[in-house]
Amino acid sequence: MIILEFKAKGKKHQYSAIDEAIRTVQFIRNSCLRYWMDNKGVNKFDLNKYSAVLAKRFPFANELNSTARQSSAERAWSSILRFFDNCKKKVPGKKGFPKFHKNCRTVEYKQSGWKLSPDKKSITFSDKKGIGKLKLKGKWDFWRFDKKQIKRVRIVRRADGYYIQFCVSVDIKEQLEPADATIGLDVGLKDFYTDSRGNTEPNPRFYRTVEKRLKFRQRRISRKKKGSANRKKAINRLGRTHLRISRQREEHAKRLARCVIRSNDLVAYEDLGVKNLVKNHCLAKSINDAGWYQFRKWLEHFGEKFGRVTVAVNPAYTSQNCSNCGEVVKKSLSTRTHTCKCGCQLDRDHNAAINILKRALGTVGHTGTWILDPNAGGDLTSTVIGANLSQQVGSLIQESPRL
């Protein structure tokens, strides 16, 4: 399952119609959430039925395609289901009680309400919102896919315009020749990662590079009158800068992960809880700028695609234990060199990467993404991130079919 994304080109009244459709989606989603709060025992099918009730009650909701209304109800149910799952798993802290959306940016159609042109260079939306025909600008080889393979179509509003996403059901698995190599990765802030062979990848620090420009854009917003057209333009310029940073970070993680996976038969990395790490206000900005989660997400995706083994190990004491003798050598974050009584002297991250690889090498014969749980006697528990990708279109991996 992949997502193909195109830039949508239209006229001002079409963009206004898209904005109206997005507001309607937000209204239906929030109404379904309120209906769930006020009535006990409501399930997914009840929310789908309630979306039809809203269409009869409100004319502007009836103008939206029925499948788009159902998708809005499913969004509400997915947030409810995630809350229930966190409660069952006894996740520490807040369980993520569903919240009302204030700034929705997408509208999603299933297999009706839209029609592709014969040359597949434009798409026409046939509901009563008046979106009409939009041109598709992009470099994807869309002609090779049959319309039956397209499961969902989504319109996305971003700071630099509107985009059309197609969820295409295709088999993306490929077989590679064995690389006869294994590697352990230790991510960090000084270097993006250090592998078990001592090689390092520099940290690009995309956010830090343009931080001054971001501050300048934010000052321009604060000087504009609230509600004015100039303030909206300034907000849009700031949004474009943030969008560029996020795209750079995602592309960097994707390219590195693909290179690492293709070059190794087994890739071991730390099972880091980034959500907990960013609670440290001194390091939160740098950790978010590094993009460790995006890197792990792409490692697992390409591992599944190319049939490589990816193992997430417990990071406890990987920096403290000696990779040569196993002795615990306590050190603070400022100590960058590991020195042990046995004579082993390595860079701190290099030593940790070797320990990560050693922990993962006990896991063989499994293809996919796994976490080595030391509290379960060495048992393995599958943690494929986004395992239900076909159910949650919003989390589908976005890449070229040739990657």
Protein backbone atom coordinates (compact mmCIF):
# COMPACT_ATOMS: atom_id res chain seq x y z
CA MET A 1 0.00 0.00 0.00
CA ILE A 2 1.51 3.31 -1.10
CA ILE A 3 0.37 6.92 -1.38
CA LEU A 4 0.90 8.93 -4.55
CA GLU A 5 0.70 12.68 -4.08
CA PHE A 6 0.06 15.36 -6.71
CA LYS A 7 -0.17 19.14 -6.54
CA ALA A 8 -3.72 20.28 -7.30
CA LYS A 9 -4.18 23.23 -9.63
CA GLY A 10 -7.52 25.03 -9.78
CA LYS A 11 -9.23 28.41 -9.47
CA LYS A 12 -10.05 30.51 -6.43
CA HIS A 13 -13.67 29.40 -6.23
CA GLN A 14 -12.52 25.76 -6.33
CA TYR A 15 -10.11 26.34 -3.45
CA SER A 16 -12.94 27.99 -1.52
CA ALA A 17 -15.10 24.93 -2.19
CA ILE A 18 -12.32 22.68 -0.85
CA ASP A 19 -12.11 24.82 2.30
CA GLU A 20 -15.87 24.50 2.76
CA ALA A 21 -15.64 20.71 2.35
CA ILE A 22 -12.88 20.58 4.96
CA ARG A 23 -14.98 22.62 7.40
CA THR A 24 -17.87 20.24 6.84
CA VAL A 25 -15.63 17.26 7.54
CA GLN A 26 -14.52 18.91 10.78
CA PHE A 27 -18.14 19.56 11.76
CA ILE A 28 -19.17 15.93 11.14
CA ARG A 29 -16.19 14.54 12.99
CA ASN A 30 -16.77 16.75 16.04
CA SER A 31 -20.52 16.05 15.98
CA CYS A 32 -19.88 12.30 15.96
CA LEU A 33 -17.50 12.70 18.87
CA ARG A 34 -20.12 14.65 20.83
CA TYR A 35 -22.71 11.96 20.00
CA TRP A 36 -20.34 9.32 21.45
CA MET A 37 -19.82 11.38 24.61
CA ASP A 38 -23.55 11.83 25.19
CA ASN A 39 -24.59 8.21 24.50
CA LYS A 40 -23.12 5.09 26.08
CA GLY A 41 -22.43 2.00 24.02
CA VAL A 42 -22.01 3.81 20.70
CA ASN A 43 -19.89 1.87 18.20
CA LYS A 44 -18.37 2.50 14.78
CA PHE A 45 -21.54 1.61 12.87
CA ASP A 46 -23.64 3.95 15.01
CA LEU A 47 -21.33 6.83 14.12
CA ASN A 48 -21.65 6.01 10.40
CA LYS A 49 -25.44 6.08 10.75
CA TYR A 50 -25.26 9.35 12.66
CA SER A 51 -23.31 10.94 9.79
CA ALA A 52 -26.34 10.22 7.57
CA VAL A 53 -28.61 11.80 10.19
CA LEU A 54 -26.45 14.94 10.13
CA ALA A 55 -26.80 15.06 6.34
CA LYS A 56 -30.60 15.12 6.63
CA ARG A 57 -30.51 17.73 9.38
CA PHE A 58 -27.99 20.16 7.84
CA PRO A 59 -28.07 21.08 4.13
CA PHE A 60 -24.34 21.92 3.99
CA ALA A 61 -23.51 18.43 5.30
CA ASN A 62 -25.76 16.86 2.67
CA GLU A 63 -23.71 18.60 -0.05
CA LEU A 64 -20.68 16.49 0.89
CA ASN A 65 -20.33 13.02 -0.63
CA SER A 66 -21.64 10.19 1.56
CA THR A 67 -18.30 8.34 1.59
CA ALA A 68 -16.55 11.52 2.75
CA ARG A 69 -19.07 11.79 5.60
CA GLN A 70 -18.40 8.16 6.53
CA SER A 71 -14.65 8.80 6.50
CA SER A 72 -15.19 11.71 8.91
CA ALA A 73 -17.12 9.43 11.26
CA GLU A 74 -14.36 6.85 10.99
CA ARG A 75 -11.82 9.48 12.00
CA ALA A 76 -13.78 10.14 15.15
CA TRP A 77 -13.97 6.41 15.86
CA SER A 78 -10.22 5.92 15.31
CA SER A 79 -9.47 8.52 18.02
CA ILE A 80 -11.97 6.82 20.35
CA LEU A 81 -10.47 3.41 19.66
CA ARG A 82 -6.95 4.70 20.32
CA PHE A 83 -8.13 6.04 23.68
CA PHE A 84 -9.65 2.65 24.59
CA ASP A 85 -6.47 0.83 23.56
CA ASN A 86 -4.31 3.09 25.73
CA CYS A 87 -6.64 2.44 28.67
CA LYS A 88 -6.46 -1.34 28.17
CA LYS A 89 -2.68 -1.25 27.86
CA LYS A 90 -2.49 0.96 30.98
CA VAL A 91 -0.30 3.53 29.26
CA PRO A 92 1.24 5.76 31.94
CA GLY A 93 0.10 9.38 32.07
CA LYS A 94 -2.66 10.78 29.89
CA LYS A 95 -4.54 8.21 27.84
CA GLY A 96 -5.34 10.54 24.93
CA PHE A 97 -9.03 11.26 25.46
CA PRO A 98 -10.50 12.33 22.08
CA LYS A 99 -10.52 16.07 21.48
CA PHE A 100 -12.53 18.25 19.15
CA HIS A 101 -10.65 19.34 16.04
CA LYS A 102 -10.15 23.07 15.56
CA ASN A 103 -8.01 23.12 12.43
CA CYS A 104 -8.80 20.21 10.13
CA ARG A 105 -6.88 20.21 6.84
CA THR A 106 -8.08 17.16 4.89
CA VAL A 107 -11.18 15.68 3.30
CA GLU A 108 -11.15 12.03 2.31
CA TYR A 109 -13.24 10.18 -0.27
CA LYS A 110 -13.53 6.44 -0.70
CA GLN A 111 -14.29 4.91 -4.10
CA SER A 112 -17.05 7.31 -5.12
CA GLY A 113 -17.48 11.06 -5.42
CA TRP A 114 -14.50 11.47 -7.77
CA LYS A 115 -13.50 10.52 -11.31
CA LEU A 116 -10.11 10.47 -13.03
CA SER A 117 -9.70 11.70 -16.57
CA PRO A 118 -8.68 9.10 -19.21
CA ASP A 119 -5.12 10.48 -19.32
CA LYS A 120 -5.04 10.58 -15.49
CA LYS A 121 -3.84 14.17 -15.49
CA SER A 122 -6.91 15.62 -13.81
CA ILE A 123 -9.58 14.60 -11.32
CA THR A 124 -13.20 15.71 -11.01
CA PHE A 125 -15.13 15.73 -7.73
CA SER A 126 -18.83 15.21 -8.34
CA ASP A 127 -20.44 16.13 -5.01
CA LYS A 128 -22.44 19.31 -4.49
CA LYS A 129 -19.61 21.29 -2.88
CA GLY A 130 -18.60 22.59 -6.30
CA ILE A 131 -14.94 21.55 -6.26
CA GLY A 132 -15.13 20.39 -9.87
CA LYS A 133 -12.14 19.53 -12.04
CA LEU A 134 -8.60 19.92 -10.69
CA LYS A 135 -5.38 19.47 -12.65
CA LEU A 136 -2.76 17.09 -11.21
CA LYS A 137 0.88 18.19 -11.23
CA GLY A 138 3.52 15.61 -10.32
CA LYS A 139 6.13 13.12 -11.56
CA TRP A 140 4.54 9.84 -10.50
CA ASP A 141 4.01 7.10 -13.09
CA PHE A 142 0.31 7.03 -12.37
CA TRP A 143 -0.68 5.46 -15.68
CA ARG A 144 0.59 2.01 -14.65
CA PHE A 145 -2.01 1.63 -11.87
CA ASP A 146 -5.58 0.56 -12.48
CA LYS A 147 -8.44 2.60 -11.02
CA LYS A 148 -9.58 -0.46 -9.02
CA GLN A 149 -6.31 -0.32 -7.09
CA ILE A 150 -7.13 3.17 -5.78
CA LYS A 151 -8.85 2.67 -2.43
CA ARG A 152 -9.11 6.25 -1.19
CA VAL A 153 -8.59 9.80 -2.41
CA ARG A 154 -7.72 12.64 -0.07
CA ILE A 155 -7.49 16.40 -0.55
CA VAL A 156 -4.85 17.96 1.71
CA ARG A 157 -4.47 21.67 2.43
CA ARG A 158 -0.94 22.83 3.22
CA ALA A 159 0.77 26.18 3.54
CA ASP A 160 1.97 26.07 -0.07
CA GLY A 161 -1.27 24.92 -1.69
CA TYR A 162 -3.57 21.94 -2.09
CA TYR A 163 -2.57 18.34 -2.78
CA ILE A 164 -4.37 15.20 -3.95
CA GLN A 165 -3.31 11.89 -2.39
CA PHE A 166 -4.19 8.50 -3.86
CA CYS A 167 -4.04 5.41 -1.65
CA VAL A 168 -3.02 2.63 -4.05
CA SER A 169 -3.10 -1.06 -3.14
CA VAL A 170 0.09 -2.58 -4.59
CA ASP A 171 2.66 -5.13 -3.49
CA ILE A 172 5.86 -3.24 -2.75
CA LYS A 173 8.03 -6.12 -1.53
CA GLU A 174 11.33 -6.76 -3.31
CA GLN A 175 13.99 -9.43 -2.92
CA LEU A 176 17.63 -8.42 -2.58
CA GLU A 177 20.82 -10.45 -2.63
CA PRO A 178 22.27 -11.15 0.85
CA ALA A 179 24.63 -8.40 1.95
CA ASP A 180 26.54 -10.61 4.45
CA ALA A 181 26.65 -7.74 6.93
CA THR A 182 25.01 -6.72 10.19
CA ILE A 183 25.00 -3.32 11.83
CA GLY A 184 24.02 -1.63 15.08
CA LEU A 185 22.96 2.02 15.17
CA ASP A 186 23.14 4.47 18.05
CA VAL A 187 21.34 7.73 17.33
CA GLY A 188 22.50 10.92 18.97
CA LEU A 189 22.55 14.71 18.87
CA LYS A 190 26.22 15.28 18.08
CA ASP A 191 26.02 12.89 15.11
CA PHE A 192 22.76 11.67 13.62
CA TYR A 193 23.89 8.09 14.19
CA THR A 194 27.04 6.10 14.87
CA ASP A 195 27.17 2.51 13.65
CA SER A 196 28.93 -0.51 15.14
CA ARG A 197 31.79 -0.13 12.62
CA GLY A 198 32.65 3.34 13.91
CA ASN A 199 31.17 5.27 10.96
CA THR A 200 29.13 8.38 11.71
CA GLU A 201 26.47 10.32 9.86
CA PRO A 202 26.42 14.08 10.51
CA ASN A 203 23.32 15.63 12.06
CA PRO A 204 21.89 18.12 9.50
CA ARG A 205 20.00 20.22 12.11
CA PHE A 206 17.45 21.59 9.66
CA TYR A 207 15.54 23.55 12.30
CA ARG A 208 18.62 25.13 13.88
CA THR A 209 19.83 26.27 10.46
CA VAL A 210 16.77 28.45 9.79
CA GLU A 211 15.89 29.30 13.40
CA LYS A 212 16.75 32.97 12.92
CA ARG A 213 14.52 33.14 9.87
CA LEU A 214 11.67 31.56 11.83
CA LYS A 215 12.02 34.12 14.60
CA PHE A 216 11.96 36.89 12.00
CA ARG A 217 8.75 35.47 10.48
CA GLN A 218 7.15 35.21 13.92
CA ARG A 219 7.99 38.85 14.71
CA ARG A 220 6.38 39.92 11.45
CA ILE A 221 3.17 38.14 12.47
CA SER A 222 3.08 39.81 15.88
CA ARG A 223 3.35 43.26 14.27
CA LYS A 224 0.36 42.76 11.98
CA LYS A 225 -3.19 43.63 12.97
CA LYS A 226 -5.24 40.61 14.00
CA GLY A 227 -7.71 39.52 11.36
CA SER A 228 -6.03 41.53 8.59
CA ALA A 229 -5.02 40.16 5.19
CA ASN A 230 -1.37 41.04 5.84
CA ARG A 231 -1.40 38.94 9.01
CA LYS A 232 -2.75 35.96 7.06
CA LYS A 233 0.03 36.38 4.50
CA ALA A 234 2.65 36.50 7.25
CA ILE A 235 1.20 33.35 8.85
CA ASN A 236 1.35 31.61 5.50
CA ARG A 237 5.02 32.55 5.02
CA LEU A 238 5.84 31.13 8.44
CA GLY A 239 3.90 27.96 7.61
CA ARG A 240 5.84 27.53 4.37
CA THR A 241 9.14 27.72 6.25
CA HIS A 242 8.05 25.08 8.75
CA LEU A 243 6.76 22.90 5.90
CA ARG A 244 10.12 23.06 4.15
CA ILE A 245 11.90 21.97 7.33
CA SER A 246 9.60 19.00 7.86
CA ARG A 247 10.04 17.88 4.26
CA GLN A 248 13.83 18.12 4.51
CA ARG A 249 13.82 16.09 7.72
CA GLU A 250 11.54 13.40 6.29
CA GLU A 251 13.52 13.07 3.05
CA HIS A 252 16.81 12.87 4.96
CA ALA A 253 15.49 10.06 7.18
CA LYS A 254 14.04 8.20 4.20
CA ARG A 255 17.24 8.23 2.15
CA LEU A 256 19.47 7.21 5.06
CA ALA A 257 17.14 4.37 6.13
CA ARG A 258 16.91 2.99 2.60
CA CYS A 259 20.70 3.01 2.23
CA VAL A 260 21.24 1.28 5.60
CA ILE A 261 18.62 -1.41 4.94
CA ARG A 262 19.89 -2.28 1.46
CA SER A 263 23.48 -2.59 2.72
CA ASN A 264 22.84 -4.90 5.70
CA ASP A 265 20.99 -8.14 6.41
CA LEU A 266 20.25 -7.16 10.02
CA VAL A 267 19.86 -3.66 11.43
CA ALA A 268 19.67 -3.13 15.19
CA TYR A 269 18.65 0.14 16.81
CA GLU A 270 17.41 1.48 20.13
CA ASP A 271 13.77 1.26 21.17
CA LEU A 272 13.69 4.90 22.29
CA GLY A 273 10.66 6.53 23.87
CA VAL A 274 10.98 9.88 22.11
CA LYS A 275 7.80 11.12 23.74
CA ASN A 276 9.43 10.79 27.15
CA LEU A 277 12.83 12.10 26.04
CA VAL A 278 11.41 15.44 24.88
CA LYS A 279 10.16 16.11 28.40
CA ASN A 280 13.69 17.32 29.07
CA HIS A 281 13.24 21.00 28.19
CA CYS A 282 16.99 21.45 27.68
CA LEU A 283 17.17 18.87 24.87
CA ALA A 284 13.62 18.82 23.51
CA LYS A 285 14.28 21.15 20.58
CA SER A 286 17.40 19.26 19.49
CA ILE A 287 15.70 15.85 19.82
CA ASN A 288 12.72 16.96 17.75
CA ASP A 289 15.07 18.48 15.18
CA ALA A 290 16.98 15.21 14.81
CA GLY A 291 13.91 13.25 13.68
CA TRP A 292 14.68 9.89 15.32
CA TYR A 293 11.11 8.65 15.00
CA GLN A 294 11.00 9.33 11.26
CA PHE A 295 14.29 7.43 10.84
CA ARG A 296 12.97 4.43 12.77
CA LYS A 297 9.69 4.48 10.84
CA TRP A 298 11.51 4.30 7.51
CA LEU A 299 13.93 1.64 8.77
CA GLU A 300 10.99 -0.60 9.62
CA HIS A 301 9.20 0.13 6.36
CA PHE A 302 12.21 -0.62 4.14
CA GLY A 303 13.07 -3.64 6.28
CA GLU A 304 9.65 -5.09 5.52
CA LYS A 305 9.86 -4.10 1.86
CA PHE A 306 13.29 -5.60 1.17
CA GLY A 307 12.96 -8.59 3.51
CA ARG A 308 15.65 -7.44 5.95
CA VAL A 309 15.64 -8.05 9.71
CA THR A 310 15.21 -4.95 11.88
CA VAL A 311 15.49 -5.33 15.64
CA ALA A 312 14.69 -2.70 18.27
CA VAL A 313 16.52 -3.43 21.53
CA ASN A 314 16.17 -2.03 25.02
CA PRO A 315 18.57 0.95 25.23
CA ALA A 316 19.24 0.46 28.96
CA TYR A 317 22.97 0.55 29.80
CA THR A 318 24.09 0.36 26.17
CA SER A 319 26.24 3.46 26.78
CA GLN A 320 27.46 2.38 30.23
CA ASN A 321 28.44 -1.24 29.58
CA CYS A 322 31.82 -2.00 28.05
CA SER A 323 31.44 -3.64 24.64
CA ASN A 324 34.64 -5.66 25.22
CA CYS A 325 34.29 -7.09 28.75
CA GLY A 326 30.77 -6.13 29.79
CA GLU A 327 31.92 -4.12 32.82
CA VAL A 328 29.73 -1.19 33.83
CA VAL A 329 31.58 2.10 33.35
CA LYS A 330 29.41 4.96 34.60
CA LYS A 331 29.67 8.19 32.67
CA SER A 332 27.68 11.40 32.31
CA LEU A 333 26.32 12.79 29.04
CA SER A 334 29.28 15.16 28.80
CA THR A 335 31.76 12.24 28.79
CA ARG A 336 32.15 11.34 25.12
CA THR A 337 34.89 8.71 25.39
CA HIS A 338 34.42 5.22 26.84
CA THR A 339 37.49 4.07 28.76
CA CYS A 340 37.49 0.71 30.56
CA LYS A 341 39.99 -1.08 32.85
CA CYS A 342 40.29 -3.84 30.24
CA GLY A 343 42.00 -1.40 27.89
CA CYS A 344 39.01 -0.73 25.65
CA GLN A 345 38.89 2.90 24.60
CA LEU A 346 36.19 3.92 22.12
CA ASP A 347 33.91 6.79 21.34
CA ARG A 348 30.86 6.64 23.59
CA ASP A 349 28.41 6.22 20.71
CA HIS A 350 30.58 3.63 18.95
CA ASN A 351 30.65 1.55 22.14
CA ALA A 352 26.86 1.83 22.47
CA ALA A 353 26.33 0.78 18.83
CA ILE A 354 28.38 -2.38 19.38
CA ASN A 355 26.33 -3.23 22.48
CA ILE A 356 23.11 -2.69 20.53
CA LEU A 357 24.27 -5.07 17.81
CA LYS A 358 25.31 -7.71 20.35
CA ARG A 359 21.88 -7.63 22.01
CA ALA A 360 20.16 -7.97 18.66
CA LEU A 361 22.30 -10.85 17.37
CA GLY A 362 20.49 -13.20 19.75
CA THR A 363 17.41 -12.66 17.59
CA VAL A 364 17.66 -14.68 14.37
CA GLY A 365 15.24 -16.39 12.06
CA HIS A 366 12.66 -13.59 12.15
CA THR A 367 12.03 -11.20 9.28
CA GLY A 368 10.37 -7.92 10.03
CA THR A 369 10.45 -5.52 12.94
CA TRP A 370 10.89 -6.86 16.46
CA ILE A 371 11.60 -5.63 19.96
CA LEU A 372 13.81 -7.66 22.24
CA ASP A 373 12.17 -7.59 25.66
CA PRO A 374 14.70 -8.38 28.41
CA ASN A 375 11.92 -8.74 30.99
CA ALA A 376 10.29 -11.59 29.08
CA GLY A 377 13.21 -13.97 29.14
CA GLY A 378 14.41 -13.07 25.66
CA ASP A 379 11.00 -13.50 24.03
CA LEU A 380 10.10 -11.45 21.02
CA THR A 381 7.08 -9.24 20.62
CA SER A 382 6.12 -7.85 17.25
CA THR A 383 5.89 -4.06 17.13
CA VAL A 384 5.46 -3.25 13.50
CA ILE A 385 4.66 0.44 13.55
CA GLY A 386 1.59 1.11 11.44
CA ALA A 387 0.63 -2.55 11.15
CA ASN A 388 -2.95 -1.53 10.38
CA LEU A 389 -1.96 0.81 7.59
CA SER A 390 -4.79 -0.32 5.37
CA GLN A 391 -7.26 0.76 8.06
CA GLN A 392 -5.69 4.14 8.80
CA VAL A 393 -5.00 5.80 5.51
CA GLY A 394 -3.49 8.81 7.23
CA SER A 395 -0.49 6.79 8.39
CA LEU A 396 0.27 5.08 5.09
CA ILE A 397 3.88 5.21 3.94
CA GLN A 398 4.45 7.69 1.14
CA GLU A 399 7.12 6.73 -1.36
CA SER A 400 7.74 6.08 -5.01
CA PRO A 401 6.93 2.54 -6.22
CA ARG A 402 10.45 2.35 -7.61
CA LEU A 403 12.16 2.95 -4.24
